[in-house]
């Protein structure tokens, strides 16, 4: 099967960040000499981007900060009959390629953006997905070996995008959101941010190679220990730096040393494998601190959060990421940086950086 044809992209994002997601897509398109444009409604949790270069951009999910998922749009349906939506949607899905015949899909997901209004569509999405997969199987249009995954994005009970993603180049979770359970014993819900960061920003092989038992880590601003808990769960030895108290069970693990100190002033006596940081501070100040640790060779890997301002958030992200890259370049080191606004983030983004 050849690549499905499309000129539009659909990006899922955190509600309220549609503008930043649109800016990012426009900047990516411009770097490829495109002239695309975005359409978005604030609070909708999704952005539509129109470009002749849409197929070339569609595999860029990992390179985008504000997009949780990036899909190619095959079509859009409105005024769907409430009792037989598939009668309208299936002809759009089955559109034949003269050379290859009907598209075949490794799977089919029916989802809705992560907005207040769209969350009410969850029961409809579950029922429609079961009916859609059954219909595709009956038509022999499900092929687990296919590169392509079908997506129906329901924006209302009677409106949907029909979209597609190449499975190896897109988020492997419906809506682009890994659904995590709060782990028993973790001292704060912030633990989910680091768990999600490790899932989204690293692949399985990287997690196995770079998070080995016995490695050493520093957690700046650790109290009460949500991020430290994730590292201890992987048998890393953690120096938890915070003037606040740490969870007693973590201290009893034998893997945590608690230092009551200022996270901006602390430096390790020898380099560590990991630095993590979720301090509430100006994003540029945190970026400068992370850049110093990486440039001085004090850590090999870092995961940190940048709390964003109310305005010009996209510009602030670019400035902070460029600051880290520039500091490493000035020190003669090359840094690899990956960043995402995660589901468990709020007015912030999470960044992974390593000295390459």
Protein backbone atom coordinates (compact mmCIF):
# COMPACT_ATOMS: atom_id res chain seq x y z
CA UNK A 1 0.00 0.00 0.00
CA UNK A 2 1.34 3.44 -0.95
CA UNK A 3 1.22 6.39 1.47
CA UNK A 4 -2.28 7.83 1.91
CA UNK A 5 -2.66 11.25 0.28
CA UNK A 6 -3.39 14.29 2.44
CA UNK A 7 -2.74 18.06 2.55
CA UNK A 8 -3.83 18.70 6.12
CA UNK A 9 -2.43 17.76 9.51
CA UNK A 10 -4.25 17.34 12.78
CA UNK A 11 -2.28 17.90 15.98
CA UNK A 12 -3.56 17.14 19.48
CA UNK A 13 -2.34 19.46 22.22
CA UNK A 14 -3.12 20.63 25.73
CA UNK A 15 -6.24 22.84 25.75
CA UNK A 16 -5.18 26.48 25.89
CA UNK A 17 -1.94 25.82 24.00
CA UNK A 18 -3.42 25.71 20.51
CA UNK A 19 -1.61 28.96 19.59
CA UNK A 20 1.78 27.60 20.60
CA UNK A 21 1.15 24.35 18.74
CA UNK A 22 0.15 26.31 15.63
CA UNK A 23 3.30 28.48 15.89
CA UNK A 24 5.44 25.39 16.12
CA UNK A 25 3.85 23.76 13.07
CA UNK A 26 4.21 26.98 11.08
CA UNK A 27 7.89 27.25 12.03
CA UNK A 28 8.49 23.61 11.03
CA UNK A 29 6.71 24.18 7.72
CA UNK A 30 8.70 27.37 7.05
CA UNK A 31 12.00 25.51 7.60
CA UNK A 32 10.97 23.31 4.69
CA UNK A 33 10.07 26.38 2.60
CA UNK A 34 6.38 25.70 2.97
CA UNK A 35 3.60 28.28 3.09
CA UNK A 36 1.04 26.47 5.23
CA UNK A 37 -1.39 27.94 7.71
CA UNK A 38 -3.12 26.82 10.89
CA UNK A 39 -6.75 26.77 12.01
CA UNK A 40 -7.52 26.40 15.70
CA UNK A 41 -10.08 27.35 18.32
CA UNK A 42 -8.79 28.16 21.80
CA UNK A 43 -9.61 25.45 24.29
CA UNK A 44 -10.37 22.85 21.60
CA UNK A 45 -7.28 20.71 22.28
CA UNK A 46 -6.43 20.36 18.60
CA UNK A 47 -4.94 22.30 15.67
CA UNK A 48 -5.52 21.80 11.97
CA UNK A 49 -2.61 22.73 9.70
CA UNK A 50 -2.95 23.03 5.91
CA UNK A 51 0.17 22.65 3.77
CA UNK A 52 1.21 21.16 0.45
CA UNK A 53 4.15 19.70 2.42
CA UNK A 54 1.90 17.98 4.97
CA UNK A 55 3.15 14.43 4.16
CA UNK A 56 6.75 15.52 4.75
CA UNK A 57 5.80 17.06 8.11
CA UNK A 58 3.64 14.17 9.31
CA UNK A 59 6.50 12.18 10.79
CA UNK A 60 7.70 15.07 12.96
CA UNK A 61 5.78 14.24 16.15
CA UNK A 62 8.92 13.61 18.21
CA UNK A 63 10.41 16.95 17.12
CA UNK A 64 7.43 19.00 18.32
CA UNK A 65 7.08 20.30 21.86
CA UNK A 66 3.39 21.18 22.04
CA UNK A 67 1.88 18.43 19.84
CA UNK A 68 0.93 15.19 21.64
CA UNK A 69 0.05 13.50 18.36
CA UNK A 70 0.36 14.42 14.68
CA UNK A 71 -1.95 12.91 12.05
CA UNK A 72 -2.56 13.26 8.34
CA UNK A 73 -6.17 14.23 7.55
CA UNK A 74 -7.85 12.13 4.85
CA UNK A 75 -11.23 13.83 5.17
CA UNK A 76 -13.74 15.52 7.43
CA UNK A 77 -17.38 14.66 8.06
CA UNK A 78 -20.12 16.83 9.50
CA UNK A 79 -23.80 16.25 10.23
CA UNK A 80 -23.20 12.56 10.85
CA UNK A 81 -26.47 10.64 11.34
CA UNK A 82 -26.58 9.70 15.03
CA UNK A 83 -27.86 6.18 14.35
CA UNK A 84 -25.52 5.26 11.50
CA UNK A 85 -22.32 7.31 11.51
CA UNK A 86 -20.35 4.54 9.81
CA UNK A 87 -22.51 4.80 6.68
CA UNK A 88 -20.87 8.18 6.04
CA UNK A 89 -17.41 7.43 7.43
CA UNK A 90 -16.69 4.06 5.80
CA UNK A 91 -16.74 5.34 2.19
CA UNK A 92 -14.16 7.96 3.20
CA UNK A 93 -12.03 5.28 4.85
CA UNK A 94 -12.31 2.80 1.98
CA UNK A 95 -11.24 5.24 -0.73
CA UNK A 96 -9.38 3.09 -3.25
CA UNK A 97 -5.94 3.71 -4.68
CA UNK A 98 -6.13 2.55 -8.34
CA UNK A 99 -2.76 0.87 -8.00
CA UNK A 100 -3.09 -0.74 -4.59
CA UNK A 101 -6.81 -1.03 -3.86
CA UNK A 102 -8.34 -0.08 -0.51
CA UNK A 103 -6.10 1.06 2.34
CA UNK A 104 -5.38 -1.51 5.02
CA UNK A 105 -4.74 -0.54 8.61
CA UNK A 106 -2.77 -2.09 11.45
CA UNK A 107 -5.43 -0.77 13.83
CA UNK A 108 -8.21 1.79 14.13
CA UNK A 109 -8.64 4.24 17.00
CA UNK A 110 -11.61 6.46 17.68
CA UNK A 111 -10.64 9.30 19.98
CA UNK A 112 -11.49 12.86 20.94
CA UNK A 113 -9.26 15.83 21.80
CA UNK A 114 -8.47 16.43 25.46
CA UNK A 115 -10.89 19.34 25.91
CA UNK A 116 -13.72 19.72 28.42
CA UNK A 117 -16.34 19.37 25.68
CA UNK A 118 -14.66 16.47 23.90
CA UNK A 119 -14.17 14.42 27.08
CA UNK A 120 -17.94 13.92 27.17
CA UNK A 121 -17.57 12.01 23.88
CA UNK A 122 -15.59 9.17 25.51
CA UNK A 123 -18.53 6.69 25.69
CA UNK A 124 -19.41 7.42 22.05
CA UNK A 125 -15.77 6.89 21.02
CA UNK A 126 -15.60 3.49 22.73
CA UNK A 127 -18.78 2.22 21.10
CA UNK A 128 -17.93 3.61 17.68
CA UNK A 129 -14.42 2.13 17.81
CA UNK A 130 -15.76 -1.36 18.45
CA UNK A 131 -18.18 -1.02 15.53
CA UNK A 132 -15.51 0.44 13.23
CA UNK A 133 -12.94 -2.29 13.92
CA UNK A 134 -15.59 -4.97 13.38
CA UNK A 135 -16.60 -3.40 10.06
CA UNK A 136 -12.99 -3.14 8.89
CA UNK A 137 -12.29 -6.75 9.82
CA UNK A 138 -15.39 -7.85 7.90
CA UNK A 139 -14.07 -6.00 4.85
CA UNK A 140 -10.58 -7.49 5.39
CA UNK A 141 -9.09 -4.01 5.85
CA UNK A 142 -7.23 -4.80 9.08
CA UNK A 143 -3.67 -5.97 8.45
CA UNK A 144 -1.47 -6.02 11.55
CA UNK A 145 1.64 -5.73 9.35
CA UNK A 146 0.50 -2.43 7.81
CA UNK A 147 2.56 0.71 8.48
CA UNK A 148 -0.59 2.78 8.81
CA UNK A 149 -3.01 3.29 11.69
CA UNK A 150 -6.46 4.75 11.15
CA UNK A 151 -7.72 7.50 13.46
CA UNK A 152 -11.21 8.95 13.81
CA UNK A 153 -11.11 12.17 15.79
CA UNK A 154 -14.58 13.01 17.07
CA UNK A 155 -14.92 16.76 17.67
CA UNK A 156 -18.69 16.55 18.29
CA UNK A 157 -21.34 13.84 18.28
CA UNK A 158 -21.95 14.59 14.58
CA UNK A 159 -18.48 15.68 13.41
CA UNK A 160 -15.22 13.81 12.86
CA UNK A 161 -11.85 13.93 11.15
CA UNK A 162 -10.74 10.80 9.30
CA UNK A 163 -6.98 10.70 9.76
CA UNK A 164 -3.94 8.45 9.48
CA UNK A 165 -0.59 8.00 11.20
CA UNK A 166 2.48 5.97 10.34
CA UNK A 167 2.73 3.87 13.48
CA UNK A 168 6.51 4.05 13.93
CA UNK A 169 6.50 7.85 13.55
CA UNK A 170 3.61 8.72 15.85
CA UNK A 171 2.61 8.52 19.48
CA UNK A 172 1.71 4.91 20.38
CA UNK A 173 -1.14 5.94 22.73
CA UNK A 174 -4.70 7.05 21.83
CA UNK A 175 -4.87 10.82 21.99
CA UNK A 176 -1.10 10.85 22.40
CA UNK A 177 -1.59 10.31 26.14
CA UNK A 178 -0.04 7.40 28.05
CA UNK A 179 -2.60 6.51 30.72
CA UNK A 180 -0.68 6.03 33.95
CA UNK A 181 -1.84 4.89 37.36
CA UNK A 182 -0.59 6.64 40.46
CA UNK A 183 1.86 4.14 41.99
CA UNK A 184 1.25 2.97 45.54
CA UNK A 185 3.89 4.35 47.84
CA UNK A 186 4.82 7.38 45.74
CA UNK A 187 4.83 10.49 47.93
CA UNK A 188 3.31 12.94 45.43
CA UNK A 189 1.48 13.03 42.13
CA UNK A 190 4.43 14.78 40.52
CA UNK A 191 5.92 11.28 40.19
CA UNK A 192 3.67 10.79 37.15
CA UNK A 193 5.45 13.62 35.31
CA UNK A 194 8.79 11.85 35.45
CA UNK A 195 7.23 8.47 34.63
CA UNK A 196 5.56 9.97 31.56
CA UNK A 197 8.75 11.79 30.58
CA UNK A 198 10.71 8.53 30.59
CA UNK A 199 8.03 6.89 28.41
CA UNK A 200 7.65 9.74 25.92
CA UNK A 201 11.15 11.19 25.66
CA UNK A 202 13.09 7.89 25.69
CA UNK A 203 12.40 4.71 23.78
CA UNK A 204 12.47 1.24 25.36
CA UNK A 205 16.06 0.53 24.40
CA UNK A 206 17.25 3.85 25.75
CA UNK A 207 15.49 3.28 29.06
CA UNK A 208 17.22 -0.10 29.40
CA UNK A 209 20.68 1.26 28.53
CA UNK A 210 20.55 4.59 30.33
CA UNK A 211 18.67 3.67 33.53
CA UNK A 212 20.68 0.75 34.87
CA UNK A 213 20.52 -0.30 38.54
CA UNK A 214 23.34 1.18 40.54
CA UNK A 215 23.61 4.40 38.53
CA UNK A 216 23.84 7.65 40.47
CA UNK A 217 21.40 10.54 40.20
CA UNK A 218 20.73 13.96 41.73
CA UNK A 219 17.21 15.31 42.24
CA UNK A 220 17.20 19.10 42.67
CA UNK A 221 14.14 20.41 44.52
CA UNK A 222 13.31 16.85 45.51
CA UNK A 223 10.87 17.26 48.43
CA UNK A 224 8.75 15.27 49.17
CA UNK A 225 10.25 12.82 46.67
CA UNK A 226 7.91 12.19 43.73
CA UNK A 227 10.73 12.21 41.16
CA UNK A 228 13.19 10.52 43.49
CA UNK A 229 10.65 7.69 43.88
CA UNK A 230 10.79 6.94 40.13
CA UNK A 231 14.59 6.70 40.22
CA UNK A 232 14.65 4.54 43.36
CA UNK A 233 12.05 2.24 41.75
CA UNK A 234 14.70 1.64 39.07
CA UNK A 235 17.39 0.98 41.72
CA UNK A 236 19.33 4.19 41.16
CA UNK A 237 21.18 5.83 44.06
CA UNK A 238 19.79 9.35 44.52
CA UNK A 239 21.09 12.46 46.21
CA UNK A 240 17.89 14.37 47.00
CA UNK A 241 18.62 18.10 47.36
CA UNK A 242 15.94 20.20 49.08
CA UNK A 243 15.51 22.17 52.28
CA UNK A 244 12.09 20.56 52.68
CA UNK A 245 11.37 17.11 54.19
CA UNK A 246 11.63 13.86 52.23
CA UNK A 247 9.28 10.87 52.38
CA UNK A 248 10.33 8.55 55.23
CA UNK A 249 9.92 5.36 53.18
CA UNK A 250 12.30 6.70 50.53
CA UNK A 251 14.91 7.51 53.14
CA UNK A 252 14.52 4.00 54.56
CA UNK A 253 15.23 2.43 51.15
CA UNK A 254 18.97 2.85 51.59
CA UNK A 255 19.18 4.41 48.12
CA UNK A 256 18.57 8.06 49.06
CA UNK A 257 20.85 10.65 50.63
CA UNK A 258 18.93 13.77 51.64
CA UNK A 259 20.88 17.03 51.59
CA UNK A 260 19.20 20.13 52.97
CA UNK A 261 20.70 22.60 50.52
CA UNK A 262 19.86 25.14 47.82
CA UNK A 263 19.38 23.34 44.50
CA UNK A 264 20.92 26.24 42.60
CA UNK A 265 24.11 26.16 44.67
CA UNK A 266 24.66 22.42 45.07
CA UNK A 267 27.31 20.68 42.98
CA UNK A 268 28.30 16.98 43.27
CA UNK A 269 31.81 15.99 44.31
CA UNK A 270 31.99 13.73 41.26
CA UNK A 271 29.94 13.44 38.04
CA UNK A 272 26.64 11.56 38.16
CA UNK A 273 24.68 9.67 35.53
CA UNK A 274 21.41 11.57 35.94
CA UNK A 275 20.20 15.00 36.99
CA UNK A 276 16.46 15.61 37.43
CA UNK A 277 14.87 18.89 38.42
CA UNK A 278 11.29 20.07 38.97
CA UNK A 279 11.98 23.32 40.81
CA UNK A 280 9.47 26.17 40.60
CA UNK A 281 11.62 28.93 39.15
CA UNK A 282 11.98 31.19 36.12
CA UNK A 283 12.53 28.96 33.06
CA UNK A 284 15.67 30.74 31.91
CA UNK A 285 17.27 30.37 35.32
CA UNK A 286 16.56 26.62 35.29
CA UNK A 287 17.83 26.30 31.69
CA UNK A 288 21.06 28.08 32.67
CA UNK A 289 21.53 25.74 35.63
CA UNK A 290 20.98 22.63 33.50
CA UNK A 291 23.33 23.98 30.83
CA UNK A 292 26.03 24.48 33.47
CA UNK A 293 25.73 20.90 34.77
CA UNK A 294 25.88 19.46 31.26
CA UNK A 295 28.66 21.74 29.99
CA UNK A 296 30.83 21.08 33.07
CA UNK A 297 30.36 17.33 32.71
CA UNK A 298 28.59 17.05 36.07
CA UNK A 299 25.93 14.74 34.58
CA UNK A 300 25.40 12.71 31.42
CA UNK A 301 21.61 12.86 31.27
CA UNK A 302 19.15 15.45 32.53
CA UNK A 303 15.37 15.70 32.73
CA UNK A 304 13.93 19.00 33.89
CA UNK A 305 10.77 21.07 33.79
CA UNK A 306 10.50 24.63 32.51
CA UNK A 307 7.60 26.60 34.02
CA UNK A 308 6.28 28.82 31.23
CA UNK A 309 5.17 32.46 31.40
CA UNK A 310 1.60 33.47 30.57
CA UNK A 311 2.62 35.14 27.29
CA UNK A 312 5.05 34.34 24.48
CA UNK A 313 5.36 30.75 25.68
CA UNK A 314 6.58 29.41 22.35
CA UNK A 315 9.29 32.08 22.20
CA UNK A 316 10.39 31.32 25.77
CA UNK A 317 10.70 27.62 24.98
CA UNK A 318 12.87 28.30 21.95
CA UNK A 319 15.04 30.72 23.92
CA UNK A 320 15.60 28.22 26.75
CA UNK A 321 16.37 25.28 24.46
CA UNK A 322 18.74 27.41 22.39
CA UNK A 323 20.40 28.58 25.60
CA UNK A 324 21.19 24.98 26.57
CA UNK A 325 22.46 24.09 23.10
CA UNK A 326 24.53 27.28 22.88
CA UNK A 327 26.18 26.75 26.25
CA UNK A 328 27.17 23.21 25.32
CA UNK A 329 28.51 24.33 21.95
CA UNK A 330 30.63 27.01 23.66
CA UNK A 331 32.12 24.33 25.93
CA UNK A 332 33.01 22.15 22.96
CA UNK A 333 30.31 19.60 23.75
CA UNK A 334 27.32 18.58 21.65
CA UNK A 335 23.97 18.12 23.32
CA UNK A 336 20.87 16.21 22.21
CA UNK A 337 17.66 17.85 23.41
CA UNK A 338 14.11 16.48 23.33
CA UNK A 339 11.13 18.33 24.80
CA UNK A 340 7.39 17.79 25.22
CA UNK A 341 4.47 19.31 26.98
CA UNK A 342 3.28 16.14 28.68
CA UNK A 343 -0.22 15.22 29.74
CA UNK A 344 0.82 15.51 33.40
CA UNK A 345 2.44 18.90 32.80
CA UNK A 346 0.44 22.07 33.27
CA UNK A 347 1.86 25.48 32.36
CA UNK A 348 5.23 23.87 31.70
CA UNK A 349 7.20 21.61 29.42
CA UNK A 350 9.53 18.71 30.22
CA UNK A 351 13.00 18.51 28.64
CA UNK A 352 15.44 15.63 28.25
CA UNK A 353 19.05 16.48 27.43
CA UNK A 354 22.19 14.41 27.16
CA UNK A 355 25.74 15.09 26.15
CA UNK A 356 26.08 13.37 22.77
